[in-house]
Amino acid sequence: MTLVYQCRHCSQLIGRLEGEMVKPSLLGIDQLTKREKREMMEYNSNGEWTIFAICDCCEETFMHHPHYHELDYFIQ
């Protein structure tokens, strides 16, 4: 199983986890509701799972511009 972490705002690659040792239960994925999984995860045709998170740069932007939380996307 391969998990690819990607920023939901700027699409920057945050990181990758590969191999047999990647277990969803160890990462807390099994604790997500079905809705959360639909919003945060995507299965790719190449067999990888993409998990949408927030990169450090976008997180810092949110700290400086809290009103951006109201927007679905703040990068044009």
PDB file of N, CA and C in Angstrom:
ATOM      1  N   MET A   1       0.849  -1.174   0.000  1.00  0.00           N
ATOM      2  CA  MET A   1       0.000   0.000   0.000  1.00  0.00           C
ATOM      3  C   MET A   1       0.893   1.234   0.000  1.00  0.00           C
ATOM      4  N   THR A   2       0.509   2.224  -0.784  1.00  0.00           N
ATOM      5  CA  THR A   2       1.226   3.491  -0.831  1.00  0.00           C
ATOM      6  C   THR A   2       0.256   4.617  -0.500  1.00  0.00           C
ATOM      7  N   LEU A   3       0.672   5.473   0.429  1.00  0.00           N
ATOM      8  CA  LEU A   3      -0.106   6.650   0.793  1.00  0.00           C
ATOM      9  C   LEU A   3       0.680   7.882   0.373  1.00  0.00           C
ATOM     10  N   VAL A   4       0.013   8.771  -0.337  1.00  0.00           N
ATOM     11  CA  VAL A   4       0.626  10.021  -0.771  1.00  0.00           C
ATOM     12  C   VAL A   4      -0.109  11.143  -0.048  1.00  0.00           C
ATOM     13  N   TYR A   5       0.643  11.935   0.711  1.00  0.00           N
ATOM     14  CA  TYR A   5       0.062  13.088   1.399  1.00  0.00           C
ATOM     15  C   TYR A   5       0.273  14.317   0.531  1.00  0.00           C
ATOM     16  N   GLN A   6      -0.828  15.008   0.236  1.00  0.00           N
ATOM     17  CA  GLN A   6      -0.800  16.161  -0.659  1.00  0.00           C
ATOM     18  C   GLN A   6      -1.599  17.292  -0.029  1.00  0.00           C
ATOM     19  N   CYS A   7      -1.127  18.516  -0.175  1.00  0.00           N
ATOM     20  CA  CYS A   7      -1.836  19.673   0.369  1.00  0.00           C
ATOM     21  C   CYS A   7      -3.136  19.882  -0.394  1.00  0.00           C
ATOM     22  N   ARG A   8      -4.200  20.025   0.339  1.00  0.00           N
ATOM     23  CA  ARG A   8      -5.514  20.223  -0.279  1.00  0.00           C
ATOM     24  C   ARG A   8      -5.662  21.609  -0.890  1.00  0.00           C
ATOM     25  N   HIS A   9      -4.775  22.539  -0.543  1.00  0.00           N
ATOM     26  CA  HIS A   9      -4.892  23.906  -1.035  1.00  0.00           C
ATOM     27  C   HIS A   9      -3.953  24.201  -2.198  1.00  0.00           C
ATOM     28  N   CYS A  10      -2.674  23.846  -2.070  1.00  0.00           N
ATOM     29  CA  CYS A  10      -1.701  24.187  -3.115  1.00  0.00           C
ATOM     30  C   CYS A  10      -1.222  22.967  -3.902  1.00  0.00           C
ATOM     31  N   SER A  11      -1.674  21.780  -3.520  1.00  0.00           N
ATOM     32  CA  SER A  11      -1.332  20.511  -4.192  1.00  0.00           C
ATOM     33  C   SER A  11       0.128  20.096  -4.039  1.00  0.00           C
ATOM     34  N   GLN A  12       0.859  20.733  -3.134  1.00  0.00           N
ATOM     35  CA  GLN A  12       2.255  20.361  -2.887  1.00  0.00           C
ATOM     36  C   GLN A  12       2.312  18.965  -2.269  1.00  0.00           C
ATOM     37  N   LEU A  13       3.296  18.183  -2.710  1.00  0.00           N
ATOM     38  CA  LEU A  13       3.523  16.873  -2.112  1.00  0.00           C
ATOM     39  C   LEU A  13       4.088  17.072  -0.714  1.00  0.00           C
ATOM     40  N   ILE A  14       3.424  16.516   0.283  1.00  0.00           N
ATOM     41  CA  ILE A  14       3.878  16.621   1.662  1.00  0.00           C
ATOM     42  C   ILE A  14       4.756  15.431   2.008  1.00  0.00           C
ATOM     43  N   GLY A  15       4.383  14.251   1.530  1.00  0.00           N
ATOM     44  CA  GLY A  15       5.179  13.066   1.808  1.00  0.00           C
ATOM     45  C   GLY A  15       4.540  11.811   1.256  1.00  0.00           C
ATOM     46  N   ARG A  16       5.296  10.711   1.326  1.00  0.00           N
ATOM     47  CA  ARG A  16       4.833   9.405   0.839  1.00  0.00           C
ATOM     48  C   ARG A  16       5.182   8.345   1.872  1.00  0.00           C
ATOM     49  N   LEU A  17       4.284   7.414   2.045  1.00  0.00           N
ATOM     50  CA  LEU A  17       4.544   6.227   2.846  1.00  0.00           C
ATOM     51  C   LEU A  17       4.311   5.027   1.945  1.00  0.00           C
ATOM     52  N   GLU A  18       5.300   4.152   1.874  1.00  0.00           N
ATOM     53  CA  GLU A  18       5.192   2.991   1.000  1.00  0.00           C
ATOM     54  C   GLU A  18       5.532   1.721   1.757  1.00  0.00           C
ATOM     55  N   GLY A  19       5.000   0.629   1.249  1.00  0.00           N
ATOM     56  CA  GLY A  19       5.393  -0.674   1.741  1.00  0.00           C
ATOM     57  C   GLY A  19       4.331  -1.379   2.537  1.00  0.00           C
ATOM     58  N   GLU A  20       4.671  -2.588   2.906  1.00  0.00           N
ATOM     59  CA  GLU A  20       3.749  -3.453   3.637  1.00  0.00           C
ATOM     60  C   GLU A  20       3.509  -2.982   5.066  1.00  0.00           C
ATOM     61  N   MET A  21       4.406  -2.164   5.590  1.00  0.00           N
ATOM     62  CA  MET A  21       4.270  -1.734   6.976  1.00  0.00           C
ATOM     63  C   MET A  21       3.269  -0.595   7.142  1.00  0.00           C
ATOM     64  N   VAL A  22       2.764  -0.056   6.033  1.00  0.00           N
ATOM     65  CA  VAL A  22       1.767   1.005   6.103  1.00  0.00           C
ATOM     66  C   VAL A  22       0.430   0.356   6.438  1.00  0.00           C
ATOM     67  N   LYS A  23      -0.018   0.584   7.637  1.00  0.00           N
ATOM     68  CA  LYS A  23      -1.288   0.010   8.082  1.00  0.00           C
ATOM     69  C   LYS A  23      -2.233   1.155   8.445  1.00  0.00           C
ATOM     70  N   PRO A  24      -3.407   1.196   7.821  1.00  0.00           N
ATOM     71  CA  PRO A  24      -4.359   2.275   8.107  1.00  0.00           C
ATOM     72  C   PRO A  24      -4.685   2.426   9.588  1.00  0.00           C
ATOM     73  N   SER A  25      -4.721   1.322  10.322  1.00  0.00           N
ATOM     74  CA  SER A  25      -5.049   1.406  11.744  1.00  0.00           C
ATOM     75  C   SER A  25      -3.967   2.136  12.532  1.00  0.00           C
ATOM     76  N   LEU A  26      -2.711   1.998  12.128  1.00  0.00           N
ATOM     77  CA  LEU A  26      -1.622   2.703  12.814  1.00  0.00           C
ATOM     78  C   LEU A  26      -1.635   4.195  12.515  1.00  0.00           C
ATOM     79  N   LEU A  27      -2.198   4.574  11.390  1.00  0.00           N
ATOM     80  CA  LEU A  27      -2.246   5.981  10.988  1.00  0.00           C
ATOM     81  C   LEU A  27      -3.545   6.662  11.418  1.00  0.00           C
ATOM     82  N   GLY A  28      -4.468   5.900  11.967  1.00  0.00           N
ATOM     83  CA  GLY A  28      -5.734   6.461  12.426  1.00  0.00           C
ATOM     84  C   GLY A  28      -6.789   6.580  11.352  1.00  0.00           C
ATOM     85  N   ILE A  29      -6.504   6.067  10.171  1.00  0.00           N
ATOM     86  CA  ILE A  29      -7.467   6.167   9.063  1.00  0.00           C
ATOM     87  C   ILE A  29      -8.753   5.420   9.391  1.00  0.00           C
ATOM     88  N   ASP A  30      -8.639   4.333  10.124  1.00  0.00           N
ATOM     89  CA  ASP A  30      -9.826   3.554  10.477  1.00  0.00           C
ATOM     90  C   ASP A  30     -10.735   4.302  11.460  1.00  0.00           C
ATOM     91  N   GLN A  31     -10.248   5.398  12.033  1.00  0.00           N
ATOM     92  CA  GLN A  31     -11.040   6.199  12.961  1.00  0.00           C
ATOM     93  C   GLN A  31     -11.892   7.254  12.246  1.00  0.00           C
ATOM     94  N   LEU A  32     -11.638   7.454  10.957  1.00  0.00           N
ATOM     95  CA  LEU A  32     -12.388   8.443  10.189  1.00  0.00           C
ATOM     96  C   LEU A  32     -13.773   7.931   9.836  1.00  0.00           C
ATOM     97  N   THR A  33     -14.728   8.834   9.777  1.00  0.00           N
ATOM     98  CA  THR A  33     -16.067   8.460   9.327  1.00  0.00           C
ATOM     99  C   THR A  33     -16.038   8.299   7.802  1.00  0.00           C
ATOM    100  N   LYS A  34     -17.088   7.735   7.239  1.00  0.00           N
ATOM    101  CA  LYS A  34     -17.168   7.584   5.788  1.00  0.00           C
ATOM    102  C   LYS A  34     -17.112   8.944   5.105  1.00  0.00           C
ATOM    103  N   ARG A  35     -17.775   9.916   5.669  1.00  0.00           N
ATOM    104  CA  ARG A  35     -17.775  11.265   5.098  1.00  0.00           C
ATOM    105  C   ARG A  35     -16.364  11.858   5.115  1.00  0.00           C
ATOM    106  N   GLU A  36     -15.669  11.717   6.238  1.00  0.00           N
ATOM    107  CA  GLU A  36     -14.301  12.229   6.341  1.00  0.00           C
ATOM    108  C   GLU A  36     -13.378  11.549   5.332  1.00  0.00           C
ATOM    109  N   LYS A  37     -13.553  10.256   5.163  1.00  0.00           N
ATOM    110  CA  LYS A  37     -12.744   9.531   4.179  1.00  0.00           C
ATOM    111  C   LYS A  37     -13.008  10.040   2.768  1.00  0.00           C
ATOM    112  N   ARG A  38     -14.278  10.288   2.428  1.00  0.00           N
ATOM    113  CA  ARG A  38     -14.611  10.814   1.098  1.00  0.00           C
ATOM    114  C   ARG A  38     -13.988  12.183   0.883  1.00  0.00           C
ATOM    115  N   GLU A  39     -13.976  13.014   1.929  1.00  0.00           N
ATOM    116  CA  GLU A  39     -13.448  14.372   1.810  1.00  0.00           C
ATOM    117  C   GLU A  39     -11.924  14.416   1.822  1.00  0.00           C
ATOM    118  N   MET A  40     -11.290  13.472   2.504  1.00  0.00           N
ATOM    119  CA  MET A  40      -9.851  13.552   2.736  1.00  0.00           C
ATOM    120  C   MET A  40      -9.020  12.562   1.935  1.00  0.00           C
ATOM    121  N   MET A  41      -9.648  11.569   1.324  1.00  0.00           N
ATOM    122  CA  MET A  41      -8.890  10.506   0.668  1.00  0.00           C
ATOM    123  C   MET A  41      -9.399  10.259  -0.742  1.00  0.00           C
ATOM    124  N   GLU A  42      -8.482   9.848  -1.590  1.00  0.00           N
ATOM    125  CA  GLU A  42      -8.840   9.528  -2.975  1.00  0.00           C
ATOM    126  C   GLU A  42      -7.995   8.344  -3.428  1.00  0.00           C
ATOM    127  N   TYR A  43      -8.643   7.342  -4.020  1.00  0.00           N
ATOM    128  CA  TYR A  43      -7.935   6.181  -4.549  1.00  0.00           C
ATOM    129  C   TYR A  43      -7.580   6.449  -5.999  1.00  0.00           C
ATOM    130  N   ASN A  44      -6.304   6.308  -6.324  1.00  0.00           N
ATOM    131  CA  ASN A  44      -5.833   6.570  -7.683  1.00  0.00           C
ATOM    132  C   ASN A  44      -5.775   5.278  -8.493  1.00  0.00           C
ATOM    133  N   SER A  45      -5.850   5.404  -9.791  1.00  0.00           N
ATOM    134  CA  SER A  45      -5.846   4.235 -10.677  1.00  0.00           C
ATOM    135  C   SER A  45      -4.546   3.446 -10.599  1.00  0.00           C
ATOM    136  N   ASN A  46      -3.465   4.065 -10.118  1.00  0.00           N
ATOM    137  CA  ASN A  46      -2.189   3.343  -9.998  1.00  0.00           C
ATOM    138  C   ASN A  46      -2.060   2.608  -8.665  1.00  0.00           C
ATOM    139  N   GLY A  47      -3.136   2.559  -7.882  1.00  0.00           N
ATOM    140  CA  GLY A  47      -3.140   1.796  -6.642  1.00  0.00           C
ATOM    141  C   GLY A  47      -2.705   2.574  -5.412  1.00  0.00           C
ATOM    142  N   GLU A  48      -2.469   3.862  -5.558  1.00  0.00           N
ATOM    143  CA  GLU A  48      -2.073   4.684  -4.424  1.00  0.00           C
ATOM    144  C   GLU A  48      -3.288   5.386  -3.825  1.00  0.00           C
ATOM    145  N   TRP A  49      -3.191   5.659  -2.552  1.00  0.00           N
ATOM    146  CA  TRP A  49      -4.183   6.479  -1.878  1.00  0.00           C
ATOM    147  C   TRP A  49      -3.587   7.862  -1.692  1.00  0.00           C
ATOM    148  N   THR A  50      -4.323   8.903  -2.070  1.00  0.00           N
ATOM    149  CA  THR A  50      -3.904  10.265  -1.803  1.00  0.00           C
ATOM    150  C   THR A  50      -4.695  10.753  -0.605  1.00  0.00           C
ATOM    151  N   ILE A  51      -3.986  11.264   0.379  1.00  0.00           N
ATOM    152  CA  ILE A  51      -4.607  11.831   1.570  1.00  0.00           C
ATOM    153  C   ILE A  51      -4.375  13.334   1.523  1.00  0.00           C
ATOM    154  N   PHE A  52      -5.475  14.080   1.544  1.00  0.00           N
ATOM    155  CA  PHE A  52      -5.389  15.531   1.455  1.00  0.00           C
ATOM    156  C   PHE A  52      -5.269  16.122   2.851  1.00  0.00           C
ATOM    157  N   ALA A  53      -4.184  16.854   3.066  1.00  0.00           N
ATOM    158  CA  ALA A  53      -3.894  17.496   4.342  1.00  0.00           C
ATOM    159  C   ALA A  53      -3.546  18.951   4.063  1.00  0.00           C
ATOM    160  N   ILE A  54      -2.878  19.602   5.003  1.00  0.00           N
ATOM    161  CA  ILE A  54      -2.465  20.991   4.819  1.00  0.00           C
ATOM    162  C   ILE A  54      -0.959  21.075   5.042  1.00  0.00           C
ATOM    163  N   CYS A  55      -0.252  21.638   4.071  1.00  0.00           N
ATOM    164  CA  CYS A  55       1.197  21.778   4.188  1.00  0.00           C
ATOM    165  C   CYS A  55       1.543  22.913   5.152  1.00  0.00           C
ATOM    166  N   ASP A  56       2.792  22.964   5.570  1.00  0.00           N
ATOM    167  CA  ASP A  56       3.240  23.984   6.514  1.00  0.00           C
ATOM    168  C   ASP A  56       3.038  25.399   5.977  1.00  0.00           C
ATOM    169  N   CYS A  57       3.301  25.598   4.699  1.00  0.00           N
ATOM    170  CA  CYS A  57       3.175  26.923   4.095  1.00  0.00           C
ATOM    171  C   CYS A  57       1.725  27.412   4.139  1.00  0.00           C
ATOM    172  N   CYS A  58       0.794  26.559   3.764  1.00  0.00           N
ATOM    173  CA  CYS A  58      -0.616  26.940   3.787  1.00  0.00           C
ATOM    174  C   CYS A  58      -1.109  27.107   5.225  1.00  0.00           C
ATOM    175  N   GLU A  59      -0.630  26.294   6.132  1.00  0.00           N
ATOM    176  CA  GLU A  59      -0.993  26.425   7.538  1.00  0.00           C
ATOM    177  C   GLU A  59      -0.539  27.778   8.079  1.00  0.00           C
ATOM    178  N   GLU A  60       0.660  28.196   7.715  1.00  0.00           N
ATOM    179  CA  GLU A  60       1.164  29.501   8.139  1.00  0.00           C
ATOM    180  C   GLU A  60       0.312  30.620   7.551  1.00  0.00           C
ATOM    181  N   THR A  61      -0.106  30.459   6.298  1.00  0.00           N
ATOM    182  CA  THR A  61      -0.976  31.451   5.668  1.00  0.00           C
ATOM    183  C   THR A  61      -2.283  31.565   6.436  1.00  0.00           C
ATOM    184  N   PHE A  62      -2.846  30.451   6.868  1.00  0.00           N
ATOM    185  CA  PHE A  62      -4.076  30.469   7.660  1.00  0.00           C
ATOM    186  C   PHE A  62      -3.863  31.200   8.987  1.00  0.00           C
ATOM    187  N   MET A  63      -2.696  31.032   9.572  1.00  0.00           N
ATOM    188  CA  MET A  63      -2.417  31.699  10.839  1.00  0.00           C
ATOM    189  C   MET A  63      -2.401  33.221  10.661  1.00  0.00           C
ATOM    190  N   HIS A  64      -1.875  33.681   9.529  1.00  0.00           N
ATOM    191  CA  HIS A  64      -1.787  35.116   9.278  1.00  0.00           C
ATOM    192  C   HIS A  64      -3.078  35.695   8.702  1.00  0.00           C
ATOM    193  N   HIS A  65      -3.894  34.860   8.085  1.00  0.00           N
ATOM    194  CA  HIS A  65      -5.140  35.299   7.445  1.00  0.00           C
ATOM    195  C   HIS A  65      -6.268  34.340   7.837  1.00  0.00           C
ATOM    196  N   PRO A  66      -6.730  34.397   9.090  1.00  0.00           N
ATOM    197  CA  PRO A  66      -7.733  33.440   9.574  1.00  0.00           C
ATOM    198  C   PRO A  66      -9.040  33.431   8.776  1.00  0.00           C
ATOM    199  N   HIS A  67      -9.369  34.537   8.131  1.00  0.00           N
ATOM    200  CA  HIS A  67     -10.610  34.585   7.358  1.00  0.00           C
ATOM    201  C   HIS A  67     -10.560  33.649   6.147  1.00  0.00           C
ATOM    202  N   TYR A  68      -9.384  33.182   5.764  1.00  0.00           N
ATOM    203  CA  TYR A  68      -9.275  32.229   4.653  1.00  0.00           C
ATOM    204  C   TYR A  68      -9.945  30.889   4.979  1.00  0.00           C
ATOM    205  N   HIS A  69     -10.148  30.599   6.258  1.00  0.00           N
ATOM    206  CA  HIS A  69     -10.813  29.345   6.639  1.00  0.00           C
ATOM    207  C   HIS A  69     -12.230  29.280   6.079  1.00  0.00           C
ATOM    208  N   GLU A  70     -12.809  30.423   5.785  1.00  0.00           N
ATOM    209  CA  GLU A  70     -14.167  30.466   5.247  1.00  0.00           C
ATOM    210  C   GLU A  70     -14.223  30.013   3.791  1.00  0.00           C
ATOM    211  N   LEU A  71     -13.078  29.997   3.118  1.00  0.00           N
ATOM    212  CA  LEU A  71     -13.013  29.692   1.703  1.00  0.00           C
ATOM    213  C   LEU A  71     -12.687  28.226   1.474  1.00  0.00           C
ATOM    214  N   ASP A  72     -13.232  27.644   0.425  1.00  0.00           N
ATOM    215  CA  ASP A  72     -12.866  26.274   0.055  1.00  0.00           C
ATOM    216  C   ASP A  72     -11.449  26.262  -0.485  1.00  0.00           C
ATOM    217  N   TYR A  73     -11.094  27.266  -1.298  1.00  0.00           N
ATOM    218  CA  TYR A  73      -9.759  27.400  -1.860  1.00  0.00           C
ATOM    219  C   TYR A  73      -9.352  28.854  -1.785  1.00  0.00           C
ATOM    220  N   PHE A  74      -8.148  29.126  -1.347  1.00  0.00           N
ATOM    221  CA  PHE A  74      -7.702  30.509  -1.268  1.00  0.00           C
ATOM    222  C   PHE A  74      -6.572  30.804  -2.240  1.00  0.00           C
ATOM    223  N   ILE A  75      -6.057  29.811  -2.925  1.00  0.00           N
ATOM    224  CA  ILE A  75      -5.016  29.996  -3.923  1.00  0.00           C
ATOM    225  C   ILE A  75      -5.673  30.011  -5.287  1.00  0.00           C
ATOM    226  N   GLN A  76      -5.466  31.075  -6.013  1.00  0.00           N
ATOM    227  CA  GLN A  76      -6.099  31.215  -7.328  1.00  0.00           C
ATOM    228  C   GLN A  76      -5.160  30.774  -8.430  1.00  0.00           C
TER     229      GLN A  76
END
